C-alpha atoms as a PDB file:
ATOM      1  CA  MET A   1       0.000   0.000   0.000  1.00  0.00           C
ATOM      2  CA  SER A   2       1.107   3.555  -0.681  1.00  0.00           C
ATOM      3  CA  LYS A   3       1.392   4.578   2.969  1.00  0.00           C
ATOM      4  CA  GLU A   4       3.477   1.474   3.719  1.00  0.00           C
ATOM      5  CA  ILE A   5       5.870   2.364   0.894  1.00  0.00           C
ATOM      6  CA  ALA A   6       5.978   5.975   2.067  1.00  0.00           C
ATOM      7  CA  THR A   7       6.943   4.802   5.558  1.00  0.00           C
ATOM      8  CA  GLN A   8       9.821   2.710   4.210  1.00  0.00           C
ATOM      9  CA  LEU A   9      11.115   5.325   1.770  1.00  0.00           C
ATOM     10  CA  ARG A  10      10.539   8.262   4.147  1.00  0.00           C
ATOM     11  CA  GLY A  11       9.094  10.754   1.674  1.00  0.00           C
ATOM     12  CA  ARG A  12      11.207   9.870  -1.381  1.00  0.00           C
ATOM     13  CA  ILE A  13       8.093   8.889  -3.293  1.00  0.00           C
ATOM     14  CA  LEU A  14       5.370  10.105  -5.622  1.00  0.00           C
ATOM     15  CA  THR A  15       2.062   8.259  -5.417  1.00  0.00           C
ATOM     16  CA  TYR A  16      -0.218   7.693  -8.412  1.00  0.00           C
ATOM     17  CA  ARG A  17      -3.605   6.179  -7.721  1.00  0.00           C
ATOM     18  CA  ILE A  18      -4.637   3.724 -10.447  1.00  0.00           C
ATOM     19  CA  PHE A  19      -8.375   3.264 -10.967  1.00  0.00           C
ATOM     20  CA  PRO A  20     -10.298   0.779 -13.084  1.00  0.00           C
ATOM     21  CA  PHE A  21     -10.924   2.028 -16.631  1.00  0.00           C
ATOM     22  CA  SER A  22     -12.651   5.358 -17.075  1.00  0.00           C
ATOM     23  CA  PHE A  23     -15.458   5.307 -19.629  1.00  0.00           C
ATOM     24  CA  LYS A  24     -13.097   6.817 -22.211  1.00  0.00           C
ATOM     25  CA  GLU A  25     -10.536   4.079 -21.550  1.00  0.00           C
ATOM     26  CA  PHE A  26     -13.306   1.480 -21.615  1.00  0.00           C
ATOM     27  CA  LEU A  27     -14.362   2.659 -25.091  1.00  0.00           C
ATOM     28  CA  THR A  28     -10.758   2.638 -26.297  1.00  0.00           C
ATOM     29  CA  ALA A  29     -10.389  -0.950 -25.026  1.00  0.00           C
ATOM     30  CA  HIS A  30     -13.414  -1.819 -27.182  1.00  0.00           C
ATOM     31  CA  GLY A  31     -11.783  -0.296 -30.236  1.00  0.00           C
ATOM     32  CA  ILE A  32     -13.851   2.895 -30.272  1.00  0.00           C
ATOM     33  CA  GLU A  33     -11.913   5.870 -31.624  1.00  0.00           C
ATOM     34  CA  LEU A  34     -12.766   8.902 -29.520  1.00  0.00           C
ATOM     35  CA  LYS A  35     -13.240  11.465 -32.245  1.00  0.00           C
ATOM     36  CA  LYS A  36     -14.445  14.972 -31.551  1.00  0.00           C
ATOM     37  CA  ASN A  37     -18.245  15.178 -31.259  1.00  0.00           C
ATOM     38  CA  ILE A  38     -18.536  11.386 -31.275  1.00  0.00           C
ATOM     39  CA  GLU A  39     -21.848  11.738 -29.433  1.00  0.00           C
ATOM     40  CA  TYR A  40     -23.396  13.222 -32.565  1.00  0.00           C
ATOM     41  CA  GLY A  41     -21.931  10.792 -35.100  1.00  0.00           C
ATOM     42  CA  LYS A  42     -22.713   7.296 -36.339  1.00  0.00           C
ATOM     43  CA  GLY A  43     -20.994   5.688 -33.371  1.00  0.00           C
ATOM     44  CA  ARG A  44     -23.449   7.193 -30.874  1.00  0.00           C
ATOM     45  CA  PHE A  45     -25.592   4.037 -30.652  1.00  0.00           C
ATOM     46  CA  LYS A  46     -22.598   1.775 -29.964  1.00  0.00           C
ATOM     47  CA  VAL A  47     -21.234   4.229 -27.366  1.00  0.00           C
ATOM     48  CA  LYS A  48     -24.553   4.234 -25.499  1.00  0.00           C
ATOM     49  CA  LYS A  49     -24.748   0.445 -25.648  1.00  0.00           C
ATOM     50  CA  LEU A  50     -21.245   0.148 -24.207  1.00  0.00           C
ATOM     51  CA  PHE A  51     -22.150   2.717 -21.557  1.00  0.00           C
ATOM     52  CA  ASN A  52     -24.917   0.414 -20.298  1.00  0.00           C
ATOM     53  CA  GLU A  53     -22.352  -2.387 -20.026  1.00  0.00           C
ATOM     54  CA  TYR A  54     -19.910  -0.095 -18.221  1.00  0.00           C
ATOM     55  CA  LEU A  55     -22.646   1.087 -15.861  1.00  0.00           C
ATOM     56  CA  ARG A  56     -23.458  -2.458 -14.849  1.00  0.00           C
ATOM     57  CA  PHE A  57     -20.103  -4.240 -14.850  1.00  0.00           C
ATOM     58  CA  GLY A  58     -17.636  -1.431 -14.224  1.00  0.00           C
ATOM     59  CA  GLY A  59     -14.169  -0.938 -15.654  1.00  0.00           C
ATOM     60  CA  PHE A  60     -11.797  -3.652 -14.451  1.00  0.00           C
ATOM     61  CA  PRO A  61      -9.575  -4.230 -17.515  1.00  0.00           C
ATOM     62  CA  GLU A  62      -9.640  -8.043 -17.457  1.00  0.00           C
ATOM     63  CA  THR A  63     -13.449  -8.104 -17.675  1.00  0.00           C
ATOM     64  CA  VAL A  64     -13.524  -6.218 -20.993  1.00  0.00           C
ATOM     65  CA  ASN A  65     -14.839  -8.317 -23.898  1.00  0.00           C
ATOM     66  CA  LYS A  66     -15.738 -11.211 -21.594  1.00  0.00           C
ATOM     67  CA  LYS A  67     -19.151 -12.877 -21.533  1.00  0.00           C
ATOM     68  CA  GLU A  68     -21.518 -11.825 -18.756  1.00  0.00           C
ATOM     69  CA  ASP A  69     -21.160 -14.984 -16.686  1.00  0.00           C
ATOM     70  CA  ILE A  70     -17.359 -14.765 -16.888  1.00  0.00           C
ATOM     71  CA  LYS A  71     -17.428 -11.105 -15.863  1.00  0.00           C
ATOM     72  CA  ILE A  72     -19.466 -11.962 -12.768  1.00  0.00           C
ATOM     73  CA  ARG A  73     -17.181 -14.840 -11.811  1.00  0.00           C
ATOM     74  CA  MET A  74     -14.094 -12.666 -12.212  1.00  0.00           C
ATOM     75  CA  LEU A  75     -15.557  -9.867 -10.109  1.00  0.00           C
ATOM     76  CA  GLN A  76     -16.540 -12.339  -7.405  1.00  0.00           C
ATOM     77  CA  GLU A  77     -12.967 -13.639  -7.440  1.00  0.00           C
ATOM     78  CA  TYR A  78     -11.670 -10.066  -7.070  1.00  0.00           C
ATOM     79  CA  PHE A  79     -13.965  -9.640  -4.085  1.00  0.00           C
ATOM     80  CA  ASP A  80     -12.634 -12.820  -2.471  1.00  0.00           C
ATOM     81  CA  VAL A  81      -8.972 -11.967  -3.139  1.00  0.00           C
ATOM     82  CA  LEU A  82      -9.474  -8.482  -1.706  1.00  0.00           C
ATOM     83  CA  PHE A  83     -11.131  -9.983   1.358  1.00  0.00           C
ATOM     84  CA  TYR A  84      -8.555 -12.693   2.101  1.00  0.00           C
ATOM     85  CA  LYS A  85      -5.285 -11.068   0.979  1.00  0.00           C
ATOM     86  CA  ASP A  86      -5.812  -7.298   1.310  1.00  0.00           C
ATOM     87  CA  LEU A  87      -7.823  -7.445   4.525  1.00  0.00           C
ATOM     88  CA  VAL A  88      -7.594 -10.683   6.513  1.00  0.00           C
ATOM     89  CA  GLU A  89      -3.899 -11.395   5.837  1.00  0.00           C
ATOM     90  CA  ARG A  90      -2.667  -7.793   5.803  1.00  0.00           C
ATOM     91  CA  TYR A  91      -4.416  -6.720   9.015  1.00  0.00           C
ATOM     92  CA  ARG A  92      -4.400 -10.164  10.718  1.00  0.00           C
ATOM     93  CA  ILE A  93      -8.152  -9.999  11.250  1.00  0.00           C
ATOM     94  CA  ARG A  94      -9.566 -12.765  13.416  1.00  0.00           C
ATOM     95  CA  ASN A  95     -13.231 -11.825  13.302  1.00  0.00           C
ATOM     96  CA  THR A  96     -13.560 -12.554   9.587  1.00  0.00           C
ATOM     97  CA  ARG A  97     -17.320 -13.035   9.812  1.00  0.00           C
ATOM     98  CA  ILE A  98     -17.921  -9.435  10.884  1.00  0.00           C
ATOM     99  CA  ILE A  99     -15.705  -7.751   8.317  1.00  0.00           C
ATOM    100  CA  LYS A 100     -17.144  -9.879   5.499  1.00  0.00           C
ATOM    101  CA  ASP A 101     -20.627  -8.993   6.711  1.00  0.00           C
ATOM    102  CA  LEU A 102     -19.600  -5.320   6.640  1.00  0.00           C
ATOM    103  CA  MET A 103     -18.317  -5.669   3.077  1.00  0.00           C
ATOM    104  CA  HIS A 104     -21.590  -7.257   1.962  1.00  0.00           C
ATOM    105  CA  TYR A 105     -23.594  -4.615   3.814  1.00  0.00           C
ATOM    106  CA  LEU A 106     -21.749  -1.749   2.114  1.00  0.00           C
ATOM    107  CA  THR A 107     -21.937  -3.479  -1.275  1.00  0.00           C
ATOM    108  CA  THR A 108     -25.695  -3.826  -0.891  1.00  0.00           C
ATOM    109  CA  ASN A 109     -26.220  -0.317   0.489  1.00  0.00           C
ATOM    110  CA  PHE A 110     -23.704   1.710  -1.497  1.00  0.00           C
ATOM    111  CA  GLY A 111     -24.634   5.335  -2.161  1.00  0.00           C
ATOM    112  CA  ARG A 112     -26.425   5.567   1.182  1.00  0.00           C
ATOM    113  CA  LEU A 113     -25.495   7.051   4.540  1.00  0.00           C
ATOM    114  CA  PHE A 114     -23.542   4.685   6.765  1.00  0.00           C
ATOM    115  CA  SER A 115     -23.917   4.991  10.522  1.00  0.00           C
ATOM    116  CA  ALA A 116     -21.562   2.909  12.646  1.00  0.00           C
ATOM    117  CA  HIS A 117     -24.067   3.159  15.520  1.00  0.00           C
ATOM    118  CA  ALA A 118     -26.960   1.849  13.395  1.00  0.00           C
ATOM    119  CA  TYR A 119     -24.782  -0.969  12.054  1.00  0.00           C
ATOM    120  CA  TYR A 120     -23.662  -1.804  15.604  1.00  0.00           C
ATOM    121  CA  LYS A 121     -27.322  -2.116  16.670  1.00  0.00           C
ATOM    122  CA  LEU A 122     -28.029  -4.306  13.636  1.00  0.00           C
ATOM    123  CA  LEU A 123     -25.218  -6.679  14.584  1.00  0.00           C
ATOM    124  CA  SER A 124     -26.336  -6.699  18.224  1.00  0.00           C
ATOM    125  CA  SER A 125     -29.840  -7.722  17.153  1.00  0.00           C
ATOM    126  CA  ARG A 126     -28.233 -10.749  15.488  1.00  0.00           C
ATOM    127  CA  ASP A 127     -26.178 -11.572  18.610  1.00  0.00           C
ATOM    128  CA  LEU A 128     -22.917 -10.609  16.901  1.00  0.00           C
ATOM    129  CA  LYS A 129     -20.618  -8.994  19.449  1.00  0.00           C
ATOM    130  CA  ILE A 130     -18.288  -6.221  18.349  1.00  0.00           C
ATOM    131  CA  SER A 131     -17.449  -2.705  19.512  1.00  0.00           C
ATOM    132  CA  LYS A 132     -18.253   0.472  17.581  1.00  0.00           C
ATOM    133  CA  ASN A 133     -14.544   1.301  17.520  1.00  0.00           C
ATOM    134  CA  THR A 134     -13.788  -1.995  15.790  1.00  0.00           C
ATOM    135  CA  ILE A 135     -16.492  -1.280  13.207  1.00  0.00           C
ATOM    136  CA  LEU A 136     -14.878   2.089  12.508  1.00  0.00           C
ATOM    137  CA  GLU A 137     -11.475   0.410  12.334  1.00  0.00           C
ATOM    138  CA  TYR A 138     -12.743  -2.142   9.786  1.00  0.00           C
ATOM    139  CA  LEU A 139     -14.368   0.653   7.796  1.00  0.00           C
ATOM    140  CA  GLY A 140     -10.995   2.403   7.678  1.00  0.00           C
ATOM    141  CA  TYR A 141      -9.363  -0.784   6.387  1.00  0.00           C
ATOM    142  CA  LEU A 142     -11.930  -1.016   3.566  1.00  0.00           C
ATOM    143  CA  GLU A 143     -11.165   2.564   2.631  1.00  0.00           C
ATOM    144  CA  ASP A 144      -7.398   1.966   2.802  1.00  0.00           C
ATOM    145  CA  VAL A 145      -7.595  -0.944   0.340  1.00  0.00           C
ATOM    146  CA  PHE A 146      -9.815   1.128  -1.973  1.00  0.00           C
ATOM    147  CA  TYR A 147     -12.881  -1.054  -1.735  1.00  0.00           C
ATOM    148  CA  VAL A 148     -15.012   1.902  -0.642  1.00  0.00           C
ATOM    149  CA  PHE A 149     -14.863   5.679  -0.750  1.00  0.00           C
ATOM    150  CA  LEU A 150     -16.357   7.493   2.235  1.00  0.00           C
ATOM    151  CA  VAL A 151     -17.864  10.900   1.464  1.00  0.00           C
ATOM    152  CA  PRO A 152     -18.387  13.302   4.403  1.00  0.00           C
ATOM    153  CA  LYS A 153     -21.170  15.827   4.815  1.00  0.00           C
ATOM    154  CA  PHE A 154     -20.344  19.299   3.525  1.00  0.00           C
ATOM    155  CA  SER A 155     -19.847  21.866   6.229  1.00  0.00           C
ATOM    156  CA  PHE A 156     -17.421  24.673   6.916  1.00  0.00           C
ATOM    157  CA  SER A 157     -17.261  23.219  10.442  1.00  0.00           C
ATOM    158  CA  LEU A 158     -14.831  20.309  10.791  1.00  0.00           C
ATOM    159  CA  LYS A 159     -16.688  19.162  13.900  1.00  0.00           C
ATOM    160  CA  GLU A 160     -19.963  18.877  11.966  1.00  0.00           C
ATOM    161  CA  GLN A 161     -18.199  16.878   9.258  1.00  0.00           C
ATOM    162  CA  LEU A 162     -16.856  14.454  11.853  1.00  0.00           C
ATOM    163  CA  VAL A 163     -20.070  13.876  13.827  1.00  0.00           C
ATOM    164  CA  ASN A 164     -22.323  13.279  10.807  1.00  0.00           C
ATOM    165  CA  PRO A 165     -22.488   9.924   9.002  1.00  0.00           C
ATOM    166  CA  LYS A 166     -20.662   9.492   5.723  1.00  0.00           C
ATOM    167  CA  LYS A 167     -21.913   8.130   2.427  1.00  0.00           C
ATOM    168  CA  ALA A 168     -20.202   4.948   1.252  1.00  0.00           C
ATOM    169  CA  TYR A 169     -19.495   4.287  -2.413  1.00  0.00           C
ATOM    170  CA  LEU A 170     -17.785   1.364  -4.139  1.00  0.00           C
ATOM    171  CA  SER A 171     -14.557   1.602  -6.117  1.00  0.00           C
ATOM    172  CA  ASP A 172     -16.277  -0.104  -9.069  1.00  0.00           C
ATOM    173  CA  ASN A 173     -19.895  -0.731 -10.041  1.00  0.00           C
ATOM    174  CA  GLY A 174     -19.071  -4.308 -10.979  1.00  0.00           C
ATOM    175  CA  PHE A 175     -18.860  -5.335  -7.316  1.00  0.00           C
ATOM    176  CA  ALA A 176     -22.500  -4.356  -6.734  1.00  0.00           C
ATOM    177  CA  THR A 177     -23.604  -6.371  -9.766  1.00  0.00           C
ATOM    178  CA  ALA A 178     -21.514  -9.457  -9.046  1.00  0.00           C
ATOM    179  CA  VAL A 179     -21.802  -9.575  -5.243  1.00  0.00           C
ATOM    180  CA  ALA A 180     -25.149  -7.934  -4.453  1.00  0.00           C
ATOM    181  CA  PHE A 181     -27.085  -8.652  -7.700  1.00  0.00           C
ATOM    182  CA  GLN A 182     -28.875  -5.315  -7.438  1.00  0.00           C
ATOM    183  CA  PHE A 183     -28.669  -3.609 -10.815  1.00  0.00           C
ATOM    184  CA  SER A 184     -32.270  -3.504 -12.027  1.00  0.00           C
ATOM    185  CA  LYS A 185     -33.773  -2.131  -8.808  1.00  0.00           C
ATOM    186  CA  ASN A 186     -30.936   0.216  -7.923  1.00  0.00           C
ATOM    187  CA  ILE A 187     -29.936   1.975 -11.141  1.00  0.00           C
ATOM    188  CA  GLY A 188     -29.992   5.430  -9.516  1.00  0.00           C
ATOM    189  CA  HIS A 189     -27.218   4.476  -7.105  1.00  0.00           C
ATOM    190  CA  PHE A 190     -25.226   2.931  -9.967  1.00  0.00           C
ATOM    191  CA  TYR A 191     -25.342   6.326 -11.701  1.00  0.00           C
ATOM    192  CA  GLU A 192     -24.337   8.095  -8.505  1.00  0.00           C
ATOM    193  CA  ASN A 193     -21.466   5.676  -7.865  1.00  0.00           C
ATOM    194  CA  ILE A 194     -19.994   6.175 -11.336  1.00  0.00           C
ATOM    195  CA  VAL A 195     -20.082   9.956 -10.872  1.00  0.00           C
ATOM    196  CA  LEU A 196     -18.335   9.729  -7.489  1.00  0.00           C
ATOM    197  CA  VAL A 197     -15.591   7.425  -8.813  1.00  0.00           C
ATOM    198  CA  GLU A 198     -15.064   9.694 -11.828  1.00  0.00           C
ATOM    199  CA  LEU A 199     -14.763  12.733  -9.571  1.00  0.00           C
ATOM    200  CA  LYS A 200     -12.197  10.867  -7.474  1.00  0.00           C
ATOM    201  CA  ARG A 201     -10.371   9.862 -10.653  1.00  0.00           C
ATOM    202  CA  ARG A 202     -10.226  13.545 -11.582  1.00  0.00           C
ATOM    203  CA  GLY A 203      -8.694  14.326  -8.194  1.00  0.00           C
ATOM    204  CA  LYS A 204     -11.684  16.160  -6.734  1.00  0.00           C
ATOM    205  CA  GLU A 205     -12.405  16.682  -3.040  1.00  0.00           C
ATOM    206  CA  VAL A 206     -16.033  15.586  -2.680  1.00  0.00           C
ATOM    207  CA  TYR A 207     -18.760  16.054  -0.045  1.00  0.00           C
ATOM    208  CA  TYR A 208     -22.509  15.539   0.084  1.00  0.00           C
ATOM    209  CA  TRP A 209     -24.993  18.245   1.057  1.00  0.00           C
ATOM    210  CA  LYS A 210     -27.882  17.676   3.451  1.00  0.00           C
ATOM    211  CA  ASP A 211     -30.163  20.163   5.173  1.00  0.00           C
ATOM    212  CA  ASN A 212     -33.864  20.484   4.402  1.00  0.00           C
ATOM    213  CA  ASN A 213     -33.072  18.769   1.092  1.00  0.00           C
ATOM    214  CA  GLU A 214     -30.138  16.817  -0.289  1.00  0.00           C
ATOM    215  CA  CYS A 215     -27.569  17.338  -3.011  1.00  0.00           C
ATOM    216  CA  ASP A 216     -25.392  14.413  -4.008  1.00  0.00           C
ATOM    217  CA  PHE A 217     -22.034  16.131  -4.409  1.00  0.00           C
ATOM    218  CA  VAL A 218     -20.367  19.415  -3.478  1.00  0.00           C
ATOM    219  CA  ILE A 219     -16.853  19.796  -4.882  1.00  0.00           C
ATOM    220  CA  MET A 220     -14.183  21.705  -2.967  1.00  0.00           C
ATOM    221  CA  GLU A 221     -10.835  23.128  -4.013  1.00  0.00           C
ATOM    222  CA  ARG A 222      -8.534  24.737  -1.439  1.00  0.00           C
ATOM    223  CA  ASN A 223     -11.326  24.925   1.134  1.00  0.00           C
ATOM    224  CA  LYS A 224     -13.627  26.690  -1.320  1.00  0.00           C
ATOM    225  CA  PRO A 225     -16.783  25.242  -2.954  1.00  0.00           C
ATOM    226  CA  VAL A 226     -16.380  25.178  -6.748  1.00  0.00           C
ATOM    227  CA  GLY A 227     -19.228  22.929  -7.921  1.00  0.00           C
ATOM    228  CA  ALA A 228     -22.455  21.153  -7.019  1.00  0.00           C
ATOM    229  CA  ILE A 229     -23.809  18.063  -8.782  1.00  0.00           C
ATOM    230  CA  GLN A 230     -27.130  16.289  -8.502  1.00  0.00           C
ATOM    231  CA  VAL A 231     -27.475  12.808 -10.031  1.00  0.00           C
ATOM    232  CA  CYS A 232     -30.854  11.447 -11.106  1.00  0.00           C
ATOM    233  CA  ALA A 233     -31.195   8.508 -13.490  1.00  0.00           C
ATOM    234  CA  GLU A 234     -34.992   8.604 -13.656  1.00  0.00           C
ATOM    235  CA  LEU A 235     -35.994  12.226 -14.187  1.00  0.00           C
ATOM    236  CA  ASN A 236     -39.694  13.046 -14.322  1.00  0.00           C
ATOM    237  CA  GLU A 237     -41.759  16.003 -13.131  1.00  0.00           C
ATOM    238  CA  ARG A 238     -41.891  14.796  -9.531  1.00  0.00           C
ATOM    239  CA  THR A 239     -38.231  13.775  -9.213  1.00  0.00           C
ATOM    240  CA  GLU A 240     -36.999  16.825 -11.125  1.00  0.00           C
ATOM    241  CA  ASN A 241     -38.663  19.213  -8.679  1.00  0.00           C
ATOM    242  CA  ARG A 242     -37.157  17.344  -5.721  1.00  0.00           C
ATOM    243  CA  GLU A 243     -33.671  17.189  -7.225  1.00  0.00           C
ATOM    244  CA  ILE A 244     -33.727  20.854  -8.203  1.00  0.00           C
ATOM    245  CA  ARG A 245     -34.738  21.859  -4.664  1.00  0.00           C
ATOM    246  CA  GLY A 246     -31.737  20.046  -3.231  1.00  0.00           C
ATOM    247  CA  LEU A 247     -29.354  21.472  -5.813  1.00  0.00           C
ATOM    248  CA  LEU A 248     -30.630  25.037  -5.358  1.00  0.00           C
ATOM    249  CA  GLU A 249     -30.308  24.721  -1.587  1.00  0.00           C
ATOM    250  CA  ALA A 250     -26.677  23.608  -1.944  1.00  0.00           C
ATOM    251  CA  LEU A 251     -25.938  26.373  -4.462  1.00  0.00           C
ATOM    252  CA  GLU A 252     -27.418  28.998  -2.159  1.00  0.00           C
ATOM    253  CA  ALA A 253     -25.472  27.768   0.866  1.00  0.00           C
ATOM    254  CA  THR A 254     -22.169  27.626  -1.043  1.00  0.00           C
ATOM    255  CA  LYS A 255     -22.844  30.883  -2.942  1.00  0.00           C
ATOM    256  CA  LEU A 256     -22.320  29.174  -6.298  1.00  0.00           C
ATOM    257  CA  LYS A 257     -24.010  30.580  -9.391  1.00  0.00           C
ATOM    258  CA  GLN A 258     -24.469  27.374 -11.365  1.00  0.00           C
ATOM    259  CA  GLY A 259     -25.015  23.682 -10.849  1.00  0.00           C
ATOM    260  CA  LEU A 260     -25.152  20.413 -12.759  1.00  0.00           C
ATOM    261  CA  VAL A 261     -27.820  17.718 -12.957  1.00  0.00           C
ATOM    262  CA  ILE A 262     -26.556  14.420 -14.388  1.00  0.00           C
ATOM    263  CA  THR A 263     -29.343  12.379 -15.970  1.00  0.00           C
ATOM    264  CA  ALA A 264     -29.962   9.348 -18.169  1.00  0.00           C
ATOM    265  CA  ASP A 265     -30.907  11.243 -21.319  1.00  0.00           C
ATOM    266  CA  LYS A 266     -32.145  14.762 -20.550  1.00  0.00           C
ATOM    267  CA  GLU A 267     -30.031  17.604 -21.936  1.00  0.00           C
ATOM    268  CA  LYS A 268     -30.854  21.284 -21.533  1.00  0.00           C
ATOM    269  CA  GLU A 269     -29.918  24.473 -19.710  1.00  0.00           C
ATOM    270  CA  GLU A 270     -32.200  26.760 -17.768  1.00  0.00           C
ATOM    271  CA  THR A 271     -32.063  29.465 -15.137  1.00  0.00           C
ATOM    272  CA  ILE A 272     -33.993  28.782 -11.936  1.00  0.00           C
ATOM    273  CA  LYS A 273     -34.154  31.340  -9.124  1.00  0.00           C
ATOM    274  CA  GLY A 274     -31.138  33.122 -10.551  1.00  0.00           C
ATOM    275  CA  LYS A 275     -29.025  29.943 -10.776  1.00  0.00           C
ATOM    276  CA  LYS A 276     -27.887  28.450 -14.071  1.00  0.00           C
ATOM    277  CA  ILE A 277     -28.727  24.734 -14.142  1.00  0.00           C
ATOM    278  CA  ARG A 278     -27.263  22.434 -16.765  1.00  0.00           C
ATOM    279  CA  PHE A 279     -28.736  18.994 -17.437  1.00  0.00           C
ATOM    280  CA  VAL A 280     -26.470  16.452 -19.159  1.00  0.00           C
ATOM    281  CA  PRO A 281     -26.649  12.667 -19.731  1.00  0.00           C
ATOM    282  CA  LEU A 282     -24.104  10.707 -17.710  1.00  0.00           C
ATOM    283  CA  TRP A 283     -22.486   9.027 -20.709  1.00  0.00           C
ATOM    284  CA  LYS A 284     -21.847  12.448 -22.293  1.00  0.00           C
ATOM    285  CA  TRP A 285     -20.477  13.927 -19.069  1.00  0.00           C
ATOM    286  CA  LEU A 286     -18.009  11.041 -18.806  1.00  0.00           C
ATOM    287  CA  LEU A 287     -16.680  11.922 -22.270  1.00  0.00           C
ATOM    288  CA  GLU A 288     -16.214  15.631 -21.568  1.00  0.00           C
ATOM    289  CA  GLU A 289     -12.744  17.091 -21.411  1.00  0.00           C
ATOM    290  CA  VAL A 290     -11.624  17.696 -17.828  1.00  0.00           C
END
């Protein structure tokens, strides 16, 4: 792990974090030439079809061009290797049942708030004995080995960030498909997870917003808010009003003048209550220049 290497080399190191394929890299691996304005050309249909595959199975390089059943088996093997080698062996974990239960819980509930206290009560109700501190320790291990990303609540107060629960996301959508078998009923969180991983890939510092309403992501640079993103795969009149309320609330609190709504297929721009709101399909956003 990077921090282990840094300890041995005492600062004589540059760390590069390697992610699974981005959508651009995924298309390249499928032989798609990323020409300018590809979204308007003849290849648009194939790009959208490959996006649906990427959304469901993620971007681990070895799974590209494999049949669906092979993809799932490979991803399940990755899960097992990560569990036994990166966690159990590395950290000498004895209570393997609890940490595997935690992994399954986060894989099933990714994109949602995680409360160590609520999870502790859940385990207690099943007569599984463990301390809250150990749960937090295991959660830290899962973050260290890049199985999950933990996103804190946005606040200018560090104390408020620390006392509020974090949102847990997976390092790759494929784990949710292969381990939790949740794709069809949970597509909104698959969208949200891809956006979070892409933001991390782009080196962004990410928070979620929650007050009277919610906004999925607030982006910070040098302790200053620079962007707000709402993700909604199924946008209709009811959900659009709800998502816009959350985005506007975050924009007002952070004093930002414009925000982004990432959708399945809606594309437009409009001004609402003095804020410029851009709607863009996820597959197009993933192809935009950073």
